[in-house]
N, C-alpha and C. Protein backbone atom coordinates (compact mmCIF):
# COMPACT_ATOMS: atom_id res chain seq x y z
N MET A 1 124.30 206.62 36.67
CA MET A 1 123.71 205.34 36.31
C MET A 1 122.19 205.49 36.19
N LYS A 2 121.66 204.91 35.15
CA LYS A 2 120.23 205.01 34.89
C LYS A 2 119.46 204.04 35.77
N GLN A 3 118.37 204.55 36.41
CA GLN A 3 117.55 203.67 37.24
C GLN A 3 116.69 202.77 36.38
N ARG A 4 116.54 201.53 36.84
CA ARG A 4 115.68 200.59 36.12
C ARG A 4 114.23 200.98 36.31
N LYS A 5 113.45 200.79 35.27
CA LYS A 5 112.03 201.09 35.34
C LYS A 5 111.34 199.97 36.12
N ILE A 6 110.52 200.34 37.11
CA ILE A 6 109.80 199.36 37.92
C ILE A 6 108.49 199.03 37.21
N PRO A 7 108.28 197.74 36.89
CA PRO A 7 107.03 197.39 36.19
C PRO A 7 105.82 197.58 37.09
N LEU A 8 104.82 198.29 36.59
CA LEU A 8 103.58 198.51 37.33
C LEU A 8 102.48 197.61 36.79
N ARG A 9 101.62 197.17 37.67
CA ARG A 9 100.45 196.39 37.29
C ARG A 9 99.25 196.95 38.05
N THR A 10 98.06 196.79 37.48
CA THR A 10 96.86 197.31 38.11
C THR A 10 96.16 196.20 38.88
N CYS A 11 95.80 196.50 40.13
CA CYS A 11 95.08 195.54 40.95
C CYS A 11 93.65 195.42 40.43
N THR A 12 93.18 194.20 40.23
CA THR A 12 91.82 193.99 39.74
C THR A 12 90.79 194.30 40.82
N GLY A 13 91.21 194.38 42.08
CA GLY A 13 90.30 194.69 43.17
C GLY A 13 90.07 196.18 43.33
N CYS A 14 91.15 196.92 43.65
CA CYS A 14 91.02 198.35 43.95
C CYS A 14 91.27 199.24 42.74
N GLY A 15 91.90 198.70 41.69
CA GLY A 15 92.15 199.48 40.48
C GLY A 15 93.39 200.36 40.55
N GLU A 16 94.18 200.24 41.62
CA GLU A 16 95.39 201.04 41.76
C GLU A 16 96.56 200.39 41.02
N ALA A 17 97.37 201.22 40.38
CA ALA A 17 98.59 200.73 39.75
C ALA A 17 99.68 200.68 40.81
N LYS A 18 100.28 199.52 40.98
CA LYS A 18 101.31 199.32 42.00
C LYS A 18 102.48 198.56 41.39
N PRO A 19 103.65 198.63 42.03
CA PRO A 19 104.78 197.81 41.54
C PRO A 19 104.39 196.33 41.53
N LYS A 20 104.80 195.66 40.47
CA LYS A 20 104.46 194.25 40.27
C LYS A 20 104.81 193.40 41.48
N SER A 21 105.91 193.72 42.17
CA SER A 21 106.37 192.92 43.30
C SER A 21 105.42 192.99 44.49
N GLU A 22 104.57 194.04 44.57
CA GLU A 22 103.63 194.17 45.69
C GLU A 22 102.34 193.41 45.46
N LEU A 23 102.14 192.92 44.24
CA LEU A 23 100.88 192.26 43.89
C LEU A 23 101.06 190.75 43.76
N VAL A 24 99.95 190.04 43.80
CA VAL A 24 99.94 188.58 43.59
C VAL A 24 99.30 188.34 42.23
N ARG A 25 99.88 187.44 41.47
CA ARG A 25 99.34 187.11 40.15
C ARG A 25 98.34 185.97 40.28
N VAL A 26 97.20 186.16 39.65
CA VAL A 26 96.21 185.08 39.53
C VAL A 26 96.31 184.62 38.09
N VAL A 27 96.48 183.33 37.88
CA VAL A 27 96.76 182.84 36.53
C VAL A 27 95.73 181.81 36.08
N LYS A 28 95.40 181.90 34.80
CA LYS A 28 94.58 180.86 34.16
C LYS A 28 95.53 180.07 33.28
N SER A 29 95.79 178.83 33.66
CA SER A 29 96.73 178.00 32.92
C SER A 29 96.14 177.61 31.57
N PRO A 30 97.01 177.15 30.65
CA PRO A 30 96.50 176.74 29.33
C PRO A 30 95.40 175.68 29.38
N ASP A 31 95.38 174.86 30.45
CA ASP A 31 94.31 173.85 30.56
C ASP A 31 93.07 174.38 31.28
N GLY A 32 93.05 175.69 31.58
CA GLY A 32 91.86 176.33 32.13
C GLY A 32 91.77 176.39 33.65
N GLU A 33 92.82 175.91 34.35
CA GLU A 33 92.80 175.94 35.81
C GLU A 33 93.19 177.33 36.31
N ILE A 34 92.45 177.83 37.29
CA ILE A 34 92.73 179.16 37.83
C ILE A 34 93.30 179.02 39.23
N SER A 35 94.43 179.69 39.49
CA SER A 35 95.08 179.58 40.79
C SER A 35 95.93 180.82 41.05
N LEU A 36 96.37 180.95 42.32
CA LEU A 36 97.31 182.01 42.65
C LEU A 36 98.69 181.60 42.19
N ASP A 37 99.42 182.56 41.67
CA ASP A 37 100.80 182.30 41.24
C ASP A 37 101.71 183.14 42.11
N LEU A 38 102.12 182.58 43.25
CA LEU A 38 102.94 183.34 44.20
C LEU A 38 104.36 183.56 43.69
N THR A 39 104.80 182.74 42.75
CA THR A 39 106.15 182.90 42.21
C THR A 39 106.18 183.86 41.02
N GLY A 40 105.05 184.01 40.33
CA GLY A 40 105.00 184.87 39.15
C GLY A 40 105.58 184.21 37.92
N LYS A 41 105.77 182.88 37.97
CA LYS A 41 106.43 182.18 36.87
C LYS A 41 105.54 181.20 36.11
N LYS A 42 104.33 180.95 36.60
CA LYS A 42 103.46 179.98 35.93
C LYS A 42 103.07 180.49 34.56
N SER A 43 102.90 179.56 33.61
CA SER A 43 102.50 179.98 32.27
C SER A 43 100.99 180.13 32.22
N GLY A 44 100.55 181.04 31.39
CA GLY A 44 99.12 181.28 31.24
C GLY A 44 98.78 182.75 31.33
N ARG A 45 97.52 183.05 31.22
CA ARG A 45 97.06 184.44 31.27
C ARG A 45 96.99 184.89 32.72
N GLY A 46 97.50 186.07 33.00
CA GLY A 46 97.56 186.54 34.38
C GLY A 46 96.76 187.81 34.63
N ALA A 47 96.30 187.95 35.85
CA ALA A 47 95.68 189.18 36.34
C ALA A 47 96.26 189.39 37.74
N TYR A 48 96.35 190.63 38.16
CA TYR A 48 97.01 190.92 39.43
C TYR A 48 96.03 191.44 40.47
N VAL A 49 96.33 191.14 41.73
CA VAL A 49 95.51 191.61 42.84
C VAL A 49 96.44 191.91 44.03
N CYS A 50 96.06 192.90 44.85
CA CYS A 50 96.85 193.23 46.05
C CYS A 50 96.90 192.02 46.98
N ARG A 51 97.85 192.05 47.88
CA ARG A 51 98.01 190.94 48.82
C ARG A 51 97.05 191.03 50.00
N CYS A 52 95.96 191.79 49.87
CA CYS A 52 94.99 191.90 50.96
C CYS A 52 93.67 191.23 50.54
N LEU A 53 92.96 190.70 51.53
CA LEU A 53 91.72 189.98 51.25
C LEU A 53 90.63 190.91 50.71
N ASP A 54 90.67 192.18 51.14
CA ASP A 54 89.65 193.13 50.67
C ASP A 54 89.63 193.23 49.16
N CYS A 55 90.80 193.36 48.56
CA CYS A 55 90.90 193.49 47.10
C CYS A 55 90.44 192.21 46.40
N LEU A 56 90.80 191.07 46.97
CA LEU A 56 90.36 189.79 46.39
C LEU A 56 88.84 189.68 46.45
N LYS A 57 88.25 190.09 47.56
CA LYS A 57 86.78 190.05 47.71
C LYS A 57 86.10 191.01 46.73
N LYS A 58 86.70 192.22 46.56
CA LYS A 58 86.14 193.19 45.61
C LYS A 58 86.16 192.63 44.19
N ALA A 59 87.30 192.03 43.82
CA ALA A 59 87.44 191.46 42.48
C ALA A 59 86.45 190.32 42.28
N GLN A 60 86.23 189.52 43.32
CA GLN A 60 85.27 188.41 43.23
C GLN A 60 83.85 188.95 43.08
N LYS A 61 83.50 189.95 43.88
CA LYS A 61 82.14 190.50 43.87
C LYS A 61 81.81 191.12 42.51
N ALA A 62 82.79 191.81 41.93
CA ALA A 62 82.57 192.48 40.64
C ALA A 62 82.84 191.55 39.46
N ARG A 63 83.18 190.30 39.75
CA ARG A 63 83.48 189.29 38.71
C ARG A 63 84.58 189.75 37.74
N ARG A 64 85.58 190.43 38.28
CA ARG A 64 86.64 190.96 37.42
C ARG A 64 87.56 189.86 36.87
N PHE A 65 87.84 188.83 37.66
CA PHE A 65 88.66 187.73 37.15
C PHE A 65 87.90 186.97 36.07
N GLU A 66 86.60 186.81 36.27
CA GLU A 66 85.79 186.11 35.27
C GLU A 66 85.82 186.86 33.95
N ARG A 67 85.79 188.18 34.02
CA ARG A 67 85.87 188.98 32.81
C ARG A 67 87.26 188.90 32.18
N ALA A 68 88.28 188.96 33.02
CA ALA A 68 89.67 188.91 32.52
C ALA A 68 89.99 187.57 31.86
N PHE A 69 89.49 186.49 32.45
CA PHE A 69 89.80 185.15 31.94
C PHE A 69 88.72 184.59 31.03
N GLU A 70 87.62 185.32 30.87
CA GLU A 70 86.50 184.90 30.02
C GLU A 70 86.01 183.50 30.37
N THR A 71 85.79 183.26 31.66
CA THR A 71 85.32 181.97 32.13
C THR A 71 84.59 182.13 33.47
N VAL A 72 83.75 181.19 33.81
CA VAL A 72 83.06 181.22 35.10
C VAL A 72 83.98 180.57 36.14
N ILE A 73 84.13 181.24 37.28
CA ILE A 73 85.02 180.73 38.32
C ILE A 73 84.19 180.29 39.51
N PRO A 74 84.26 179.00 39.88
CA PRO A 74 83.48 178.51 41.02
C PRO A 74 83.98 179.09 42.35
N ASP A 75 83.09 179.15 43.35
CA ASP A 75 83.44 179.70 44.65
C ASP A 75 84.59 178.95 45.32
N GLU A 76 84.72 177.65 45.05
CA GLU A 76 85.80 176.87 45.66
C GLU A 76 87.17 177.42 45.27
N VAL A 77 87.27 177.91 44.03
CA VAL A 77 88.54 178.48 43.56
C VAL A 77 88.87 179.73 44.36
N TYR A 78 87.85 180.57 44.58
CA TYR A 78 88.05 181.77 45.39
C TYR A 78 88.41 181.40 46.83
N ASP A 79 87.73 180.38 47.37
CA ASP A 79 88.03 179.94 48.73
C ASP A 79 89.49 179.49 48.85
N GLN A 80 89.97 178.77 47.84
CA GLN A 80 91.36 178.32 47.82
C GLN A 80 92.31 179.51 47.75
N MET A 81 91.97 180.52 46.94
CA MET A 81 92.82 181.70 46.82
C MET A 81 92.88 182.47 48.14
N VAL A 82 91.74 182.57 48.83
CA VAL A 82 91.70 183.24 50.13
C VAL A 82 92.59 182.49 51.12
N LYS A 83 92.51 181.17 51.11
CA LYS A 83 93.31 180.33 52.02
C LYS A 83 94.81 180.52 51.74
N GLU A 84 95.18 180.51 50.45
CA GLU A 84 96.59 180.68 50.10
C GLU A 84 97.10 182.08 50.49
N LEU A 85 96.26 183.10 50.29
CA LEU A 85 96.66 184.46 50.65
C LEU A 85 96.85 184.62 52.15
N THR A 86 95.95 184.05 52.93
CA THR A 86 96.08 184.17 54.38
C THR A 86 97.26 183.34 54.91
N ASP A 87 97.54 182.21 54.28
CA ASP A 87 98.69 181.38 54.68
C ASP A 87 100.00 182.11 54.40
N GLU A 88 100.01 182.88 53.32
CA GLU A 88 101.24 183.55 52.89
C GLU A 88 101.60 184.70 53.83
N GLN A 89 100.62 185.34 54.44
CA GLN A 89 100.88 186.53 55.25
C GLN A 89 101.41 186.23 56.62
């Protein structure tokens, strides 16, 4: 039996390619709202980050989500993402 290919995604924080299931999707919805997508089902443009705060902080510091989504992201959005990540763990 042929093994299924595991989809890999690159973390915007550390730059490592990891299985999609190990990462959290950050999504920019069609109306421009940016949020964590813990289900992986929200519509919109997505970028992935590890489930650790270090990677989220690295991505924020280097403005990688802002580059990926081509928009300025206020600190409150990052604060909300940090809160959701810590609640999930």
